PDB file of all heavy atoms in Angstrom:
ATOM      1  N   LEU A   1       0.949  19.205   3.462  1.00  0.00           N
ATOM      2  CA  LEU A   1       1.410  20.580   3.292  1.00  0.00           C
ATOM      3  C   LEU A   1       0.233  21.543   3.251  1.00  0.00           C
ATOM      4  O   LEU A   1       0.262  22.603   3.889  1.00  0.00           O
ATOM      5  CB  LEU A   1       2.240  20.694   2.013  1.00  0.00           C
ATOM      6  CG  LEU A   1       3.620  20.024   2.056  1.00  0.00           C
ATOM      7  CD1 LEU A   1       4.205  19.929   0.657  1.00  0.00           C
ATOM      8  CD2 LEU A   1       4.556  20.797   2.975  1.00  0.00           C
ATOM      9  N   ASP A   2      -0.806  21.196   2.508  1.00  0.00           N
ATOM     10  CA  ASP A   2      -1.982  22.060   2.410  1.00  0.00           C
ATOM     11  C   ASP A   2      -2.637  22.263   3.770  1.00  0.00           C
ATOM     12  O   ASP A   2      -3.154  23.341   4.067  1.00  0.00           O
ATOM     13  CB  ASP A   2      -3.004  21.458   1.441  1.00  0.00           C
ATOM     14  CG  ASP A   2      -2.548  21.526  -0.018  1.00  0.00           C
ATOM     15  OD1 ASP A   2      -1.629  22.297  -0.316  1.00  0.00           O
ATOM     16  OD2 ASP A   2      -3.128  20.798  -0.846  1.00  0.00           O
ATOM     17  N   LEU A   3      -2.616  21.226   4.597  1.00  0.00           N
ATOM     18  CA  LEU A   3      -3.286  21.262   5.894  1.00  0.00           C
ATOM     19  C   LEU A   3      -2.361  21.662   7.037  1.00  0.00           C
ATOM     20  O   LEU A   3      -2.815  21.786   8.177  1.00  0.00           O
ATOM     21  CB  LEU A   3      -3.878  19.879   6.188  1.00  0.00           C
ATOM     22  CG  LEU A   3      -4.961  19.403   5.219  1.00  0.00           C
ATOM     23  CD1 LEU A   3      -5.172  17.900   5.358  1.00  0.00           C
ATOM     24  CD2 LEU A   3      -6.259  20.154   5.451  1.00  0.00           C
ATOM     25  N   ASN A   4      -1.069  21.828   6.739  1.00  0.00           N
ATOM     26  CA  ASN A   4      -0.059  22.110   7.764  1.00  0.00           C
ATOM     27  C   ASN A   4      -0.044  21.016   8.825  1.00  0.00           C
ATOM     28  O   ASN A   4       0.143  21.275  10.021  1.00  0.00           O
ATOM     29  CB  ASN A   4      -0.293  23.476   8.406  1.00  0.00           C
ATOM     30  CG  ASN A   4       0.937  24.005   9.120  1.00  0.00           C
ATOM     31  OD1 ASN A   4       2.070  23.762   8.702  1.00  0.00           O
ATOM     32  ND2 ASN A   4       0.731  24.728  10.211  1.00  0.00           N
ATOM     33  N   LEU A   5      -0.251  19.774   8.400  1.00  0.00           N
ATOM     34  CA  LEU A   5      -0.343  18.636   9.315  1.00  0.00           C
ATOM     35  C   LEU A   5       0.986  17.880   9.335  1.00  0.00           C
ATOM     36  O   LEU A   5       1.484  17.473   8.289  1.00  0.00           O
ATOM     37  CB  LEU A   5      -1.459  17.690   8.852  1.00  0.00           C
ATOM     38  CG  LEU A   5      -1.772  16.512   9.779  1.00  0.00           C
ATOM     39  CD1 LEU A   5      -2.468  17.017  11.041  1.00  0.00           C
ATOM     40  CD2 LEU A   5      -2.647  15.493   9.060  1.00  0.00           C
ATOM     41  N   PRO A   6       1.565  17.665  10.500  1.00  0.00           N
ATOM     42  CA  PRO A   6       2.834  16.926  10.559  1.00  0.00           C
ATOM     43  C   PRO A   6       2.673  15.468  10.130  1.00  0.00           C
ATOM     44  O   PRO A   6       1.635  14.837  10.366  1.00  0.00           O
ATOM     45  CB  PRO A   6       3.231  17.020  12.037  1.00  0.00           C
ATOM     46  CG  PRO A   6       2.486  18.198  12.564  1.00  0.00           C
ATOM     47  CD  PRO A   6       1.193  18.218  11.808  1.00  0.00           C
ATOM     48  N   LEU A   7       3.727  14.952   9.528  1.00  0.00           N
ATOM     49  CA  LEU A   7       3.833  13.542   9.165  1.00  0.00           C
ATOM     50  C   LEU A   7       4.788  12.865  10.141  1.00  0.00           C
ATOM     51  O   LEU A   7       5.826  13.424  10.496  1.00  0.00           O
ATOM     52  CB  LEU A   7       4.360  13.389   7.737  1.00  0.00           C
ATOM     53  CG  LEU A   7       3.522  14.011   6.626  1.00  0.00           C
ATOM     54  CD1 LEU A   7       4.259  13.921   5.292  1.00  0.00           C
ATOM     55  CD2 LEU A   7       2.160  13.333   6.523  1.00  0.00           C
ATOM     56  N   GLU A   8       4.450  11.656  10.536  1.00  0.00           N
ATOM     57  CA  GLU A   8       5.257  10.942  11.521  1.00  0.00           C
ATOM     58  C   GLU A   8       6.289  10.024  10.863  1.00  0.00           C
ATOM     59  O   GLU A   8       5.945   9.196  10.012  1.00  0.00           O
ATOM     60  CB  GLU A   8       4.354  10.096  12.418  1.00  0.00           C
ATOM     61  CG  GLU A   8       5.123   9.275  13.448  1.00  0.00           C
ATOM     62  CD  GLU A   8       4.318   8.089  13.955  1.00  0.00           C
ATOM     63  OE1 GLU A   8       4.064   7.151  13.163  1.00  0.00           O
ATOM     64  OE2 GLU A   8       3.952   8.105  15.142  1.00  0.00           O
ATOM     65  N   ILE A   9       7.544  10.156  11.274  1.00  0.00           N
ATOM     66  CA  ILE A   9       8.547   9.132  11.018  1.00  0.00           C
ATOM     67  C   ILE A   9       8.448   8.152  12.177  1.00  0.00           C
ATOM     68  O   ILE A   9       8.608   8.516  13.334  1.00  0.00           O
ATOM     69  CB  ILE A   9       9.957   9.733  10.905  1.00  0.00           C
ATOM     70  CG1 ILE A   9      10.030  10.659   9.683  1.00  0.00           C
ATOM     71  CG2 ILE A   9      11.003   8.627  10.810  1.00  0.00           C
ATOM     72  CD1 ILE A   9      11.371  11.338   9.502  1.00  0.00           C
ATOM     73  N   ASN A  10       8.173   6.910  11.848  1.00  0.00           N
ATOM     74  CA  ASN A  10       7.785   5.901  12.826  1.00  0.00           C
ATOM     75  C   ASN A  10       8.944   4.956  13.116  1.00  0.00           C
ATOM     76  O   ASN A  10       9.402   4.236  12.236  1.00  0.00           O
ATOM     77  CB  ASN A  10       6.574   5.142  12.284  1.00  0.00           C
ATOM     78  CG  ASN A  10       6.001   4.150  13.262  1.00  0.00           C
ATOM     79  OD1 ASN A  10       6.598   3.115  13.528  1.00  0.00           O
ATOM     80  ND2 ASN A  10       4.824   4.451  13.783  1.00  0.00           N
ATOM     81  N   GLY A  11       9.401   4.967  14.372  1.00  0.00           N
ATOM     82  CA  GLY A  11      10.554   4.155  14.735  1.00  0.00           C
ATOM     83  C   GLY A  11      10.299   2.666  14.747  1.00  0.00           C
ATOM     84  O   GLY A  11      11.230   1.878  14.568  1.00  0.00           O
ATOM     85  N   LEU A  12       9.050   2.251  14.946  1.00  0.00           N
ATOM     86  CA  LEU A  12       8.755   0.815  14.990  1.00  0.00           C
ATOM     87  C   LEU A  12       9.077   0.133  13.673  1.00  0.00           C
ATOM     88  O   LEU A  12       9.561  -1.004  13.654  1.00  0.00           O
ATOM     89  CB  LEU A  12       7.280   0.599  15.350  1.00  0.00           C
ATOM     90  CG  LEU A  12       6.795  -0.842  15.394  1.00  0.00           C
ATOM     91  CD1 LEU A  12       7.535  -1.644  16.462  1.00  0.00           C
ATOM     92  CD2 LEU A  12       5.288  -0.891  15.630  1.00  0.00           C
ATOM     93  N   GLY A  13       8.821   0.819  12.559  1.00  0.00           N
ATOM     94  CA  GLY A  13       9.042   0.189  11.261  1.00  0.00           C
ATOM     95  C   GLY A  13      10.477  -0.252  11.039  1.00  0.00           C
ATOM     96  O   GLY A  13      10.730  -1.256  10.366  1.00  0.00           O
ATOM     97  N   SER A  14      11.413   0.489  11.633  1.00  0.00           N
ATOM     98  CA  SER A  14      12.827   0.143  11.439  1.00  0.00           C
ATOM     99  C   SER A  14      13.231  -1.106  12.199  1.00  0.00           C
ATOM    100  O   SER A  14      14.326  -1.638  11.994  1.00  0.00           O
ATOM    101  CB  SER A  14      13.723   1.319  11.845  1.00  0.00           C
ATOM    102  OG  SER A  14      13.611   1.572  13.239  1.00  0.00           O
ATOM    103  N   THR A  15      12.363  -1.608  13.084  1.00  0.00           N
ATOM    104  CA  THR A  15      12.668  -2.819  13.844  1.00  0.00           C
ATOM    105  C   THR A  15      12.041  -4.067  13.221  1.00  0.00           C
ATOM    106  O   THR A  15      12.310  -5.178  13.681  1.00  0.00           O
ATOM    107  CB  THR A  15      12.153  -2.701  15.291  1.00  0.00           C
ATOM    108  OG1 THR A  15      10.723  -2.755  15.309  1.00  0.00           O
ATOM    109  CG2 THR A  15      12.623  -1.399  15.925  1.00  0.00           C
ATOM    110  N   ARG A  16      11.215  -3.882  12.215  1.00  0.00           N
ATOM    111  CA  ARG A  16      10.519  -5.013  11.612  1.00  0.00           C
ATOM    112  C   ARG A  16      11.373  -5.660  10.522  1.00  0.00           C
ATOM    113  O   ARG A  16      12.330  -5.061  10.026  1.00  0.00           O
ATOM    114  CB  ARG A  16       9.164  -4.559  11.069  1.00  0.00           C
ATOM    115  CG  ARG A  16       8.241  -4.145  12.206  1.00  0.00           C
ATOM    116  CD  ARG A  16       6.831  -3.905  11.791  1.00  0.00           C
ATOM    117  NE  ARG A  16       5.942  -3.914  12.961  1.00  0.00           N
ATOM    118  CZ  ARG A  16       4.676  -3.584  12.943  1.00  0.00           C
ATOM    119  NH1 ARG A  16       4.117  -3.206  11.797  1.00  0.00           N
ATOM    120  NH2 ARG A  16       3.943  -3.628  14.044  1.00  0.00           N
ATOM    121  N   GLU A  17      10.998  -6.871  10.152  1.00  0.00           N
ATOM    122  CA  GLU A  17      11.804  -7.628   9.183  1.00  0.00           C
ATOM    123  C   GLU A  17      11.956  -6.839   7.888  1.00  0.00           C
ATOM    124  O   GLU A  17      10.965  -6.404   7.292  1.00  0.00           O
ATOM    125  CB  GLU A  17      11.133  -8.966   8.892  1.00  0.00           C
ATOM    126  CG  GLU A  17      11.930  -9.850   7.954  1.00  0.00           C
ATOM    127  CD  GLU A  17      11.279 -11.202   7.724  1.00  0.00           C
ATOM    128  OE1 GLU A  17      10.225 -11.479   8.351  1.00  0.00           O
ATOM    129  OE2 GLU A  17      11.811 -11.980   6.913  1.00  0.00           O
ATOM    130  N   PRO A  18      13.184  -6.619   7.417  1.00  0.00           N
ATOM    131  CA  PRO A  18      13.385  -5.833   6.198  1.00  0.00           C
ATOM    132  C   PRO A  18      12.761  -6.515   4.983  1.00  0.00           C
ATOM    133  O   PRO A  18      12.547  -7.727   4.952  1.00  0.00           O
ATOM    134  CB  PRO A  18      14.913  -5.756   6.071  1.00  0.00           C
ATOM    135  CG  PRO A  18      15.433  -6.082   7.427  1.00  0.00           C
ATOM    136  CD  PRO A  18      14.451  -7.036   8.029  1.00  0.00           C
ATOM    137  N   LEU A  19      12.496  -5.694   3.973  1.00  0.00           N
ATOM    138  CA  LEU A  19      11.956  -6.190   2.716  1.00  0.00           C
ATOM    139  C   LEU A  19      13.066  -6.347   1.688  1.00  0.00           C
ATOM    140  O   LEU A  19      13.980  -5.529   1.601  1.00  0.00           O
ATOM    141  CB  LEU A  19      10.933  -5.201   2.162  1.00  0.00           C
ATOM    142  CG  LEU A  19       9.681  -4.932   2.997  1.00  0.00           C
ATOM    143  CD1 LEU A  19       8.857  -3.843   2.318  1.00  0.00           C
ATOM    144  CD2 LEU A  19       8.868  -6.197   3.176  1.00  0.00           C
ATOM    145  N   ARG A  20      12.969  -7.394   0.885  1.00  0.00           N
ATOM    146  CA  ARG A  20      13.861  -7.536  -0.259  1.00  0.00           C
ATOM    147  C   ARG A  20      13.162  -6.941  -1.476  1.00  0.00           C
ATOM    148  O   ARG A  20      12.079  -7.382  -1.869  1.00  0.00           O
ATOM    149  CB  ARG A  20      14.195  -9.010  -0.508  1.00  0.00           C
ATOM    150  CG  ARG A  20      15.247  -9.213  -1.618  1.00  0.00           C
ATOM    151  CD  ARG A  20      15.586 -10.687  -1.792  1.00  0.00           C
ATOM    152  NE  ARG A  20      16.142 -11.262  -0.589  1.00  0.00           N
ATOM    153  CZ  ARG A  20      17.424 -11.125  -0.223  1.00  0.00           C
ATOM    154  NH1 ARG A  20      18.264 -10.436  -0.985  1.00  0.00           N
ATOM    155  NH2 ARG A  20      17.850 -11.682   0.886  1.00  0.00           N
ATOM    156  N   THR A  21      13.749  -5.917  -2.068  1.00  0.00           N
ATOM    157  CA  THR A  21      13.150  -5.244  -3.210  1.00  0.00           C
ATOM    158  C   THR A  21      14.148  -5.197  -4.361  1.00  0.00           C
ATOM    159  O   THR A  21      15.311  -5.601  -4.218  1.00  0.00           O
ATOM    160  CB  THR A  21      12.745  -3.798  -2.845  1.00  0.00           C
ATOM    161  OG1 THR A  21      13.928  -2.984  -2.736  1.00  0.00           O
ATOM    162  CG2 THR A  21      11.977  -3.763  -1.533  1.00  0.00           C
ATOM    163  N   GLU A  22      13.694  -4.671  -5.505  1.00  0.00           N
ATOM    164  CA  GLU A  22      14.580  -4.562  -6.663  1.00  0.00           C
ATOM    165  C   GLU A  22      15.749  -3.631  -6.392  1.00  0.00           C
ATOM    166  O   GLU A  22      16.797  -3.737  -7.039  1.00  0.00           O
ATOM    167  CB  GLU A  22      13.777  -4.057  -7.867  1.00  0.00           C
ATOM    168  CG  GLU A  22      12.749  -5.071  -8.384  1.00  0.00           C
ATOM    169  CD  GLU A  22      11.932  -4.522  -9.528  1.00  0.00           C
ATOM    170  OE1 GLU A  22      12.120  -3.334  -9.882  1.00  0.00           O
ATOM    171  OE2 GLU A  22      11.101  -5.277 -10.068  1.00  0.00           O
ATOM    172  N   ARG A  23      15.604  -2.730  -5.423  1.00  0.00           N
ATOM    173  CA  ARG A  23      16.685  -1.805  -5.066  1.00  0.00           C
ATOM    174  C   ARG A  23      17.471  -2.284  -3.858  1.00  0.00           C
ATOM    175  O   ARG A  23      18.292  -1.547  -3.321  1.00  0.00           O
ATOM    176  CB  ARG A  23      16.110  -0.413  -4.792  1.00  0.00           C
ATOM    177  CG  ARG A  23      15.411   0.195  -5.998  1.00  0.00           C
ATOM    178  CD  ARG A  23      15.068   1.645  -5.764  1.00  0.00           C
ATOM    179  NE  ARG A  23      14.378   2.220  -6.903  1.00  0.00           N
ATOM    180  CZ  ARG A  23      14.167   3.521  -7.079  1.00  0.00           C
ATOM    181  NH1 ARG A  23      14.610   4.387  -6.190  1.00  0.00           N
ATOM    182  NH2 ARG A  23      13.523   3.961  -8.126  1.00  0.00           N
ATOM    183  N   GLY A  24      17.225  -3.520  -3.442  1.00  0.00           N
ATOM    184  CA  GLY A  24      17.956  -4.084  -2.314  1.00  0.00           C
ATOM    185  C   GLY A  24      17.102  -4.184  -1.065  1.00  0.00           C
ATOM    186  O   GLY A  24      15.896  -3.953  -1.086  1.00  0.00           O
ATOM    187  N   MET A  25      17.739  -4.528   0.036  1.00  0.00           N
ATOM    188  CA  MET A  25      17.047  -4.664   1.304  1.00  0.00           C
ATOM    189  C   MET A  25      16.733  -3.277   1.876  1.00  0.00           C
ATOM    190  O   MET A  25      17.549  -2.361   1.788  1.00  0.00           O
ATOM    191  CB  MET A  25      17.902  -5.447   2.296  1.00  0.00           C
ATOM    192  CG  MET A  25      18.244  -6.860   1.846  1.00  0.00           C
ATOM    193  SD  MET A  25      16.792  -7.919   1.654  1.00  0.00           S
ATOM    194  CE  MET A  25      16.268  -8.087   3.362  1.00  0.00           C
ATOM    195  N   ARG A  26      15.547  -3.155   2.462  1.00  0.00           N
ATOM    196  CA  ARG A  26      15.149  -1.864   3.005  1.00  0.00           C
ATOM    197  C   ARG A  26      14.106  -2.055   4.093  1.00  0.00           C
ATOM    198  O   ARG A  26      13.507  -3.115   4.212  1.00  0.00           O
ATOM    199  CB  ARG A  26      14.601  -0.958   1.917  1.00  0.00           C
ATOM    200  CG  ARG A  26      13.435  -1.547   1.139  1.00  0.00           C
ATOM    201  CD  ARG A  26      12.877  -0.553   0.135  1.00  0.00           C
ATOM    202  NE  ARG A  26      13.888  -0.135  -0.818  1.00  0.00           N
ATOM    203  CZ  ARG A  26      14.073   1.130  -1.202  1.00  0.00           C
ATOM    204  NH1 ARG A  26      13.325   2.083  -0.687  1.00  0.00           N
ATOM    205  NH2 ARG A  26      14.989   1.451  -2.070  1.00  0.00           N
ATOM    206  N   TYR A  27      13.907  -0.999   4.885  1.00  0.00           N
ATOM    207  CA  TYR A  27      12.862  -1.028   5.886  1.00  0.00           C
ATOM    208  C   TYR A  27      11.501  -1.181   5.209  1.00  0.00           C
ATOM    209  O   TYR A  27      11.282  -0.659   4.105  1.00  0.00           O
ATOM    210  CB  TYR A  27      12.818   0.277   6.683  1.00  0.00           C
ATOM    211  CG  TYR A  27      14.011   0.565   7.563  1.00  0.00           C
ATOM    212  CD1 TYR A  27      14.450   1.877   7.757  1.00  0.00           C
ATOM    213  CD2 TYR A  27      14.676  -0.448   8.238  1.00  0.00           C
ATOM    214  CE1 TYR A  27      15.529   2.168   8.581  1.00  0.00           C
ATOM    215  CE2 TYR A  27      15.752  -0.166   9.068  1.00  0.00           C
ATOM    216  CZ  TYR A  27      16.178   1.145   9.230  1.00  0.00           C
ATOM    217  OH  TYR A  27      17.235   1.426  10.045  1.00  0.00           O
ATOM    218  N   GLN A  28      10.572  -1.848   5.900  1.00  0.00           N
ATOM    219  CA  GLN A  28       9.181  -1.798   5.459  1.00  0.00           C
ATOM    220  C   GLN A  28       8.702  -0.344   5.475  1.00  0.00           C
ATOM    221  O   GLN A  28       8.035   0.134   4.562  1.00  0.00           O
ATOM    222  CB  GLN A  28       8.305  -2.649   6.373  1.00  0.00           C
ATOM    223  CG  GLN A  28       8.616  -4.142   6.328  1.00  0.00           C
ATOM    224  CD  GLN A  28       7.645  -4.937   7.169  1.00  0.00           C
ATOM    225  OE1 GLN A  28       6.477  -4.591   7.280  1.00  0.00           O
ATOM    226  NE2 GLN A  28       8.124  -6.021   7.773  1.00  0.00           N
ATOM    227  N   TYR A  29       9.017   0.346   6.520  1.00  0.00           N
ATOM    228  CA  TYR A  29       8.835   1.782   6.713  1.00  0.00           C
ATOM    229  C   TYR A  29       9.677   2.148   7.928  1.00  0.00           C
ATOM    230  O   TYR A  29       9.949   1.256   8.742  1.00  0.00           O
ATOM    231  CB  TYR A  29       7.341   2.142   6.917  1.00  0.00           C
ATOM    232  CG  TYR A  29       6.707   1.501   8.132  1.00  0.00           C
ATOM    233  CD1 TYR A  29       6.575   2.186   9.343  1.00  0.00           C
ATOM    234  CD2 TYR A  29       6.250   0.172   8.099  1.00  0.00           C
ATOM    235  CE1 TYR A  29       6.015   1.583  10.466  1.00  0.00           C
ATOM    236  CE2 TYR A  29       5.688  -0.427   9.219  1.00  0.00           C
ATOM    237  CZ  TYR A  29       5.575   0.280  10.384  1.00  0.00           C
ATOM    238  OH  TYR A  29       5.019  -0.319  11.488  1.00  0.00           O
ATOM    239  N   PRO A  30      10.219   3.332   8.016  1.00  0.00           N
ATOM    240  CA  PRO A  30      10.112   4.438   7.070  1.00  0.00           C
ATOM    241  C   PRO A  30      10.819   4.117   5.742  1.00  0.00           C
ATOM    242  O   PRO A  30      11.867   3.470   5.734  1.00  0.00           O
ATOM    243  CB  PRO A  30      10.774   5.598   7.798  1.00  0.00           C
ATOM    244  CG  PRO A  30      11.686   4.965   8.806  1.00  0.00           C
ATOM    245  CD  PRO A  30      11.039   3.683   9.204  1.00  0.00           C
ATOM    246  N   TYR A  31      10.205   4.581   4.664  1.00  0.00           N
ATOM    247  CA  TYR A  31      10.636   4.247   3.311  1.00  0.00           C
ATOM    248  C   TYR A  31      11.383   5.443   2.726  1.00  0.00           C
ATOM    249  O   TYR A  31      10.842   6.547   2.643  1.00  0.00           O
ATOM    250  CB  TYR A  31       9.414   3.899   2.460  1.00  0.00           C
ATOM    251  CG  TYR A  31       9.703   3.053   1.254  1.00  0.00           C
ATOM    252  CD1 TYR A  31       9.623   1.667   1.317  1.00  0.00           C
ATOM    253  CD2 TYR A  31      10.061   3.633   0.048  1.00  0.00           C
ATOM    254  CE1 TYR A  31       9.880   0.873   0.204  1.00  0.00           C
ATOM    255  CE2 TYR A  31      10.324   2.850  -1.069  1.00  0.00           C
ATOM    256  CZ  TYR A  31      10.235   1.470  -0.981  1.00  0.00           C
ATOM    257  OH  TYR A  31      10.496   0.689  -2.092  1.00  0.00           O
ATOM    258  N   VAL A  32      12.630   5.221   2.322  1.00  0.00           N
ATOM    259  CA  VAL A  32      13.546   6.314   1.999  1.00  0.00           C
ATOM    260  C   VAL A  32      12.969   7.272   0.967  1.00  0.00           C
ATOM    261  O   VAL A  32      12.974   8.502   1.158  1.00  0.00           O
ATOM    262  CB  VAL A  32      14.899   5.751   1.518  1.00  0.00           C
ATOM    263  CG1 VAL A  32      15.749   6.843   0.887  1.00  0.00           C
ATOM    264  CG2 VAL A  32      15.650   5.117   2.685  1.00  0.00           C
ATOM    265  N   GLU A  33      12.469   6.749  -0.146  1.00  0.00           N
ATOM    266  CA  GLU A  33      12.017   7.639  -1.224  1.00  0.00           C
ATOM    267  C   GLU A  33      10.835   8.514  -0.791  1.00  0.00           C
ATOM    268  O   GLU A  33      10.716   9.661  -1.230  1.00  0.00           O
ATOM    269  CB  GLU A  33      11.658   6.832  -2.469  1.00  0.00           C
ATOM    270  CG  GLU A  33      12.863   6.316  -3.241  1.00  0.00           C
ATOM    271  CD  GLU A  33      13.436   5.020  -2.667  1.00  0.00           C
ATOM    272  OE1 GLU A  33      12.953   4.568  -1.605  1.00  0.00           O
ATOM    273  OE2 GLU A  33      14.359   4.453  -3.278  1.00  0.00           O
ATOM    274  N   PHE A  34       9.976   7.971   0.041  1.00  0.00           N
ATOM    275  CA  PHE A  34       8.870   8.784   0.558  1.00  0.00           C
ATOM    276  C   PHE A  34       9.421  10.001   1.290  1.00  0.00           C
ATOM    277  O   PHE A  34       8.960  11.135   1.070  1.00  0.00           O
ATOM    278  CB  PHE A  34       8.004   7.949   1.503  1.00  0.00           C
ATOM    279  CG  PHE A  34       6.837   8.703   2.098  1.00  0.00           C
ATOM    280  CD1 PHE A  34       5.579   8.578   1.553  1.00  0.00           C
ATOM    281  CD2 PHE A  34       7.010   9.537   3.199  1.00  0.00           C
ATOM    282  CE1 PHE A  34       4.498   9.272   2.097  1.00  0.00           C
ATOM    283  CE2 PHE A  34       5.938  10.245   3.740  1.00  0.00           C
ATOM    284  CZ  PHE A  34       4.681  10.112   3.179  1.00  0.00           C
ATOM    285  N   TRP A  35      10.404   9.764   2.146  1.00  0.00           N
ATOM    286  CA  TRP A  35      10.910  10.857   2.977  1.00  0.00           C
ATOM    287  C   TRP A  35      11.828  11.784   2.199  1.00  0.00           C
ATOM    288  O   TRP A  35      11.969  12.971   2.560  1.00  0.00           O
ATOM    289  CB  TRP A  35      11.557  10.296   4.230  1.00  0.00           C
ATOM    290  CG  TRP A  35      10.496   9.654   5.077  1.00  0.00           C
ATOM    291  CD1 TRP A  35      10.254   8.319   5.234  1.00  0.00           C
ATOM    292  CD2 TRP A  35       9.467  10.323   5.799  1.00  0.00           C
ATOM    293  NE1 TRP A  35       9.155   8.116   6.021  1.00  0.00           N
ATOM    294  CE2 TRP A  35       8.651   9.323   6.387  1.00  0.00           C
ATOM    295  CE3 TRP A  35       9.168  11.667   6.029  1.00  0.00           C
ATOM    296  CZ2 TRP A  35       7.541   9.642   7.170  1.00  0.00           C
ATOM    297  CZ3 TRP A  35       8.067  11.981   6.815  1.00  0.00           C
ATOM    298  CH2 TRP A  35       7.274  10.978   7.382  1.00  0.00           C
ATOM    299  N   GLU A  36      12.431  11.299   1.133  1.00  0.00           N
ATOM    300  CA  GLU A  36      13.147  12.205   0.239  1.00  0.00           C
ATOM    301  C   GLU A  36      12.190  13.223  -0.366  1.00  0.00           C
ATOM    302  O   GLU A  36      12.492  14.430  -0.416  1.00  0.00           O
ATOM    303  CB  GLU A  36      13.845  11.412  -0.869  1.00  0.00           C
ATOM    304  CG  GLU A  36      15.085  10.654  -0.408  1.00  0.00           C
ATOM    305  CD  GLU A  36      15.700   9.818  -1.512  1.00  0.00           C
ATOM    306  OE1 GLU A  36      15.000   9.515  -2.507  1.00  0.00           O
ATOM    307  OE2 GLU A  36      16.890   9.451  -1.378  1.00  0.00           O
ATOM    308  N   LEU A  37      11.016  12.747  -0.811  1.00  0.00           N
ATOM    309  CA  LEU A  37      10.014  13.659  -1.359  1.00  0.00           C
ATOM    310  C   LEU A  37       9.509  14.625  -0.296  1.00  0.00           C
ATOM    311  O   LEU A  37       9.351  15.820  -0.544  1.00  0.00           O
ATOM    312  CB  LEU A  37       8.839  12.864  -1.931  1.00  0.00           C
ATOM    313  CG  LEU A  37       9.055  12.125  -3.244  1.00  0.00           C
ATOM    314  CD1 LEU A  37       7.797  11.318  -3.594  1.00  0.00           C
ATOM    315  CD2 LEU A  37       9.377  13.104  -4.363  1.00  0.00           C
ATOM    316  N   ALA A  38       9.245  14.100   0.912  1.00  0.00           N
ATOM    317  CA  ALA A  38       8.745  14.950   1.985  1.00  0.00           C
ATOM    318  C   ALA A  38       9.749  16.047   2.330  1.00  0.00           C
ATOM    319  O   ALA A  38       9.369  17.203   2.590  1.00  0.00           O
ATOM    320  CB  ALA A  38       8.434  14.103   3.211  1.00  0.00           C
ATOM    321  N   ALA A  39      11.034  15.702   2.323  1.00  0.00           N
ATOM    322  CA  ALA A  39      12.069  16.694   2.620  1.00  0.00           C
ATOM    323  C   ALA A  39      12.164  17.736   1.513  1.00  0.00           C
ATOM    324  O   ALA A  39      12.298  18.939   1.783  1.00  0.00           O
ATOM    325  CB  ALA A  39      13.413  15.995   2.814  1.00  0.00           C
ATOM    326  N   GLN A  40      12.099  17.281   0.264  1.00  0.00           N
ATOM    327  CA  GLN A  40      12.171  18.212  -0.860  1.00  0.00           C
ATOM    328  C   GLN A  40      11.043  19.235  -0.830  1.00  0.00           C
ATOM    329  O   GLN A  40      11.215  20.399  -1.184  1.00  0.00           O
ATOM    330  CB  GLN A  40      12.123  17.435  -2.175  1.00  0.00           C
ATOM    331  CG  GLN A  40      13.363  16.631  -2.472  1.00  0.00           C
ATOM    332  CD  GLN A  40      13.160  15.636  -3.611  1.00  0.00           C
ATOM    333  OE1 GLN A  40      12.172  15.712  -4.356  1.00  0.00           O
ATOM    334  NE2 GLN A  40      14.089  14.711  -3.752  1.00  0.00           N
ATOM    335  N   LYS A  41       9.883  18.796  -0.348  1.00  0.00           N
ATOM    336  CA  LYS A  41       8.711  19.664  -0.345  1.00  0.00           C
ATOM    337  C   LYS A  41       8.569  20.456   0.957  1.00  0.00           C
ATOM    338  O   LYS A  41       7.695  21.322   1.066  1.00  0.00           O
ATOM    339  CB  LYS A  41       7.453  18.835  -0.603  1.00  0.00           C
ATOM    340  CG  LYS A  41       7.308  18.417  -2.061  1.00  0.00           C
ATOM    341  CD  LYS A  41       6.047  17.652  -2.306  1.00  0.00           C
ATOM    342  CE  LYS A  41       5.704  17.625  -3.789  1.00  0.00           C
ATOM    343  NZ  LYS A  41       5.089  18.882  -4.246  1.00  0.00           N
ATOM    344  N   GLY A  42       9.393  20.169   1.938  1.00  0.00           N
ATOM    345  CA  GLY A  42       9.363  20.926   3.179  1.00  0.00           C
ATOM    346  C   GLY A  42       8.257  20.532   4.138  1.00  0.00           C
ATOM    347  O   GLY A  42       7.717  21.380   4.866  1.00  0.00           O
ATOM    348  N   ALA A  43       7.926  19.255   4.185  1.00  0.00           N
ATOM    349  CA  ALA A  43       6.885  18.783   5.094  1.00  0.00           C
ATOM    350  C   ALA A  43       7.320  18.917   6.542  1.00  0.00           C
ATOM    351  O   ALA A  43       8.507  18.817   6.874  1.00  0.00           O
ATOM    352  CB  ALA A  43       6.547  17.324   4.783  1.00  0.00           C
ATOM    353  N   ARG A  44       6.343  19.150   7.405  1.00  0.00           N
ATOM    354  CA  ARG A  44       6.600  19.140   8.854  1.00  0.00           C
ATOM    355  C   ARG A  44       6.613  17.693   9.334  1.00  0.00           C
ATOM    356  O   ARG A  44       5.813  16.860   8.889  1.00  0.00           O
ATOM    357  CB  ARG A  44       5.520  19.927   9.587  1.00  0.00           C
ATOM    358  CG  ARG A  44       5.428  21.379   9.165  1.00  0.00           C
ATOM    359  CD  ARG A  44       4.211  22.034   9.801  1.00  0.00           C
ATOM    360  NE  ARG A  44       4.418  22.255  11.225  1.00  0.00           N
ATOM    361  CZ  ARG A  44       3.442  22.255  12.125  1.00  0.00           C
ATOM    362  NH1 ARG A  44       2.197  21.971  11.771  1.00  0.00           N
ATOM    363  NH2 ARG A  44       3.704  22.502  13.400  1.00  0.00           N
ATOM    364  N   VAL A  45       7.524  17.409  10.279  1.00  0.00           N
ATOM    365  CA  VAL A  45       7.759  16.028  10.699  1.00  0.00           C
ATOM    366  C   VAL A  45       7.769  15.938  12.216  1.00  0.00           C
ATOM    367  O   VAL A  45       8.305  16.819  12.900  1.00  0.00           O
ATOM    368  CB  VAL A  45       9.097  15.515  10.118  1.00  0.00           C
ATOM    369  CG1 VAL A  45       9.585  14.283  10.856  1.00  0.00           C
ATOM    370  CG2 VAL A  45       8.940  15.210   8.639  1.00  0.00           C
TER     371      VAL A  45
END
């Protein structure tokens, strides 16, 4: 945000073997909570 630099949502991560976590199965990346924060703060994507 300070640098006005876009962050990439990366499609390759969604094709990789999912992770088993305490909150259930999820992508290795893109990681939901990261992007929830990015959206809340208005990051460029």
